[in-house]
């Protein structure tokens, strides 16, 4: 079992990834803004925030700890 963070986690591709990780028994956490109704198992931990607010993002990451793997989907902003 891996401890996995998915940044996003509610879009078309990332929802499928989150569901597959949870089904195989991984400890999954999603980090997103909480604007989209998630279609993911209730066993998946949810952490809300805006990754473009770098100070907030860094604080939230320190609060939730370390992960074996981080997966991010979505657009990159300069």
C-alpha atoms as a PDB file:
ATOM      1  CA  UNK A   1       0.000   0.000   0.000  1.00  0.00           C
ATOM      2  CA  UNK A   2       1.296   3.425  -0.973  1.00  0.00           C
ATOM      3  CA  UNK A   3       0.427   6.805   0.464  1.00  0.00           C
ATOM      4  CA  UNK A   4      -0.567   8.867  -2.577  1.00  0.00           C
ATOM      5  CA  UNK A   5      -1.451  12.537  -3.006  1.00  0.00           C
ATOM      6  CA  UNK A   6      -3.421  13.527  -6.097  1.00  0.00           C
ATOM      7  CA  UNK A   7      -3.516  17.259  -6.766  1.00  0.00           C
ATOM      8  CA  UNK A   8      -6.820  17.818  -8.494  1.00  0.00           C
ATOM      9  CA  UNK A   9      -8.575  14.482  -8.327  1.00  0.00           C
ATOM     10  CA  UNK A  10     -12.034  15.435  -9.584  1.00  0.00           C
ATOM     11  CA  UNK A  11     -11.496  15.718 -13.358  1.00  0.00           C
ATOM     12  CA  UNK A  12     -12.064  13.042 -15.965  1.00  0.00           C
ATOM     13  CA  UNK A  13      -8.605  11.454 -15.886  1.00  0.00           C
ATOM     14  CA  UNK A  14      -7.685  12.080 -12.256  1.00  0.00           C
ATOM     15  CA  UNK A  15     -11.029  10.714 -10.968  1.00  0.00           C
ATOM     16  CA  UNK A  16     -10.283   7.419 -12.679  1.00  0.00           C
ATOM     17  CA  UNK A  17      -6.780   7.359 -11.212  1.00  0.00           C
ATOM     18  CA  UNK A  18      -8.070   8.131  -7.704  1.00  0.00           C
ATOM     19  CA  UNK A  19     -10.718   5.394  -7.975  1.00  0.00           C
ATOM     20  CA  UNK A  20      -8.176   2.809  -9.159  1.00  0.00           C
ATOM     21  CA  UNK A  21      -5.711   3.709  -6.400  1.00  0.00           C
ATOM     22  CA  UNK A  22      -8.436   3.443  -3.757  1.00  0.00           C
ATOM     23  CA  UNK A  23      -9.691   0.130  -5.186  1.00  0.00           C
ATOM     24  CA  UNK A  24      -6.242  -1.432  -4.914  1.00  0.00           C
ATOM     25  CA  UNK A  25      -5.983  -0.335  -1.289  1.00  0.00           C
ATOM     26  CA  UNK A  26      -3.702   2.684  -1.439  1.00  0.00           C
ATOM     27  CA  UNK A  27      -4.009   5.480   1.137  1.00  0.00           C
ATOM     28  CA  UNK A  28      -5.242   8.274  -1.154  1.00  0.00           C
ATOM     29  CA  UNK A  29      -5.570  12.002  -0.450  1.00  0.00           C
ATOM     30  CA  UNK A  30      -6.830  14.559  -2.966  1.00  0.00           C
ATOM     31  CA  UNK A  31      -5.983  18.250  -2.784  1.00  0.00           C
ATOM     32  CA  UNK A  32      -8.240  20.631  -4.696  1.00  0.00           C
ATOM     33  CA  UNK A  33     -10.364  23.765  -4.397  1.00  0.00           C
ATOM     34  CA  UNK A  34     -13.523  21.813  -3.560  1.00  0.00           C
ATOM     35  CA  UNK A  35     -15.488  23.393  -6.398  1.00  0.00           C
ATOM     36  CA  UNK A  36     -16.356  20.176  -8.249  1.00  0.00           C
ATOM     37  CA  UNK A  37     -18.532  17.470  -6.745  1.00  0.00           C
ATOM     38  CA  UNK A  38     -16.145  14.551  -6.298  1.00  0.00           C
ATOM     39  CA  UNK A  39     -16.961  11.167  -7.839  1.00  0.00           C
ATOM     40  CA  UNK A  40     -14.497   9.351  -5.632  1.00  0.00           C
ATOM     41  CA  UNK A  41     -14.860   6.893  -2.745  1.00  0.00           C
ATOM     42  CA  UNK A  42     -15.606   8.255   0.722  1.00  0.00           C
ATOM     43  CA  UNK A  43     -12.432   6.517   1.940  1.00  0.00           C
ATOM     44  CA  UNK A  44     -10.346   9.074   0.025  1.00  0.00           C
ATOM     45  CA  UNK A  45      -9.187  11.968   2.196  1.00  0.00           C
ATOM     46  CA  UNK A  46      -9.974  15.438   0.907  1.00  0.00           C
ATOM     47  CA  UNK A  47      -7.860  18.534   1.547  1.00  0.00           C
ATOM     48  CA  UNK A  48      -9.055  21.867   0.182  1.00  0.00           C
ATOM     49  CA  UNK A  49      -7.050  24.861  -0.931  1.00  0.00           C
ATOM     50  CA  UNK A  50      -5.756  26.697  -3.984  1.00  0.00           C
ATOM     51  CA  UNK A  51      -2.404  25.460  -5.283  1.00  0.00           C
ATOM     52  CA  UNK A  52      -1.846  28.828  -6.964  1.00  0.00           C
ATOM     53  CA  UNK A  53      -1.739  30.455  -3.521  1.00  0.00           C
ATOM     54  CA  UNK A  54       1.773  29.221  -2.826  1.00  0.00           C
ATOM     55  CA  UNK A  55       1.920  30.152   0.873  1.00  0.00           C
ATOM     56  CA  UNK A  56      -1.399  28.405   1.556  1.00  0.00           C
ATOM     57  CA  UNK A  57      -0.377  25.396  -0.528  1.00  0.00           C
ATOM     58  CA  UNK A  58       2.937  25.005   1.309  1.00  0.00           C
ATOM     59  CA  UNK A  59       1.188  25.280   4.676  1.00  0.00           C
ATOM     60  CA  UNK A  60      -1.411  22.667   3.729  1.00  0.00           C
ATOM     61  CA  UNK A  61       1.295  20.296   2.494  1.00  0.00           C
ATOM     62  CA  UNK A  62       3.194  20.635   5.775  1.00  0.00           C
ATOM     63  CA  UNK A  63      -0.028  19.897   7.678  1.00  0.00           C
ATOM     64  CA  UNK A  64      -0.855  16.701   5.800  1.00  0.00           C
ATOM     65  CA  UNK A  65       2.638  15.213   5.825  1.00  0.00           C
ATOM     66  CA  UNK A  66       4.658  13.180   3.366  1.00  0.00           C
ATOM     67  CA  UNK A  67       3.639  10.861   0.534  1.00  0.00           C
ATOM     68  CA  UNK A  68       5.198   8.024  -1.410  1.00  0.00           C
ATOM     69  CA  UNK A  69       3.863   9.453  -4.662  1.00  0.00           C
ATOM     70  CA  UNK A  70       2.365  12.744  -5.851  1.00  0.00           C
ATOM     71  CA  UNK A  71       0.236  12.918  -8.985  1.00  0.00           C
ATOM     72  CA  UNK A  72      -0.929  16.217 -10.461  1.00  0.00           C
ATOM     73  CA  UNK A  73      -3.332  16.845 -13.311  1.00  0.00           C
ATOM     74  CA  UNK A  74      -4.542  20.059 -14.842  1.00  0.00           C
ATOM     75  CA  UNK A  75      -3.166  23.152 -16.444  1.00  0.00           C
ATOM     76  CA  UNK A  76       0.086  24.791 -15.489  1.00  0.00           C
ATOM     77  CA  UNK A  77      -0.034  28.479 -14.698  1.00  0.00           C
ATOM     78  CA  UNK A  78       3.033  30.668 -15.032  1.00  0.00           C
END
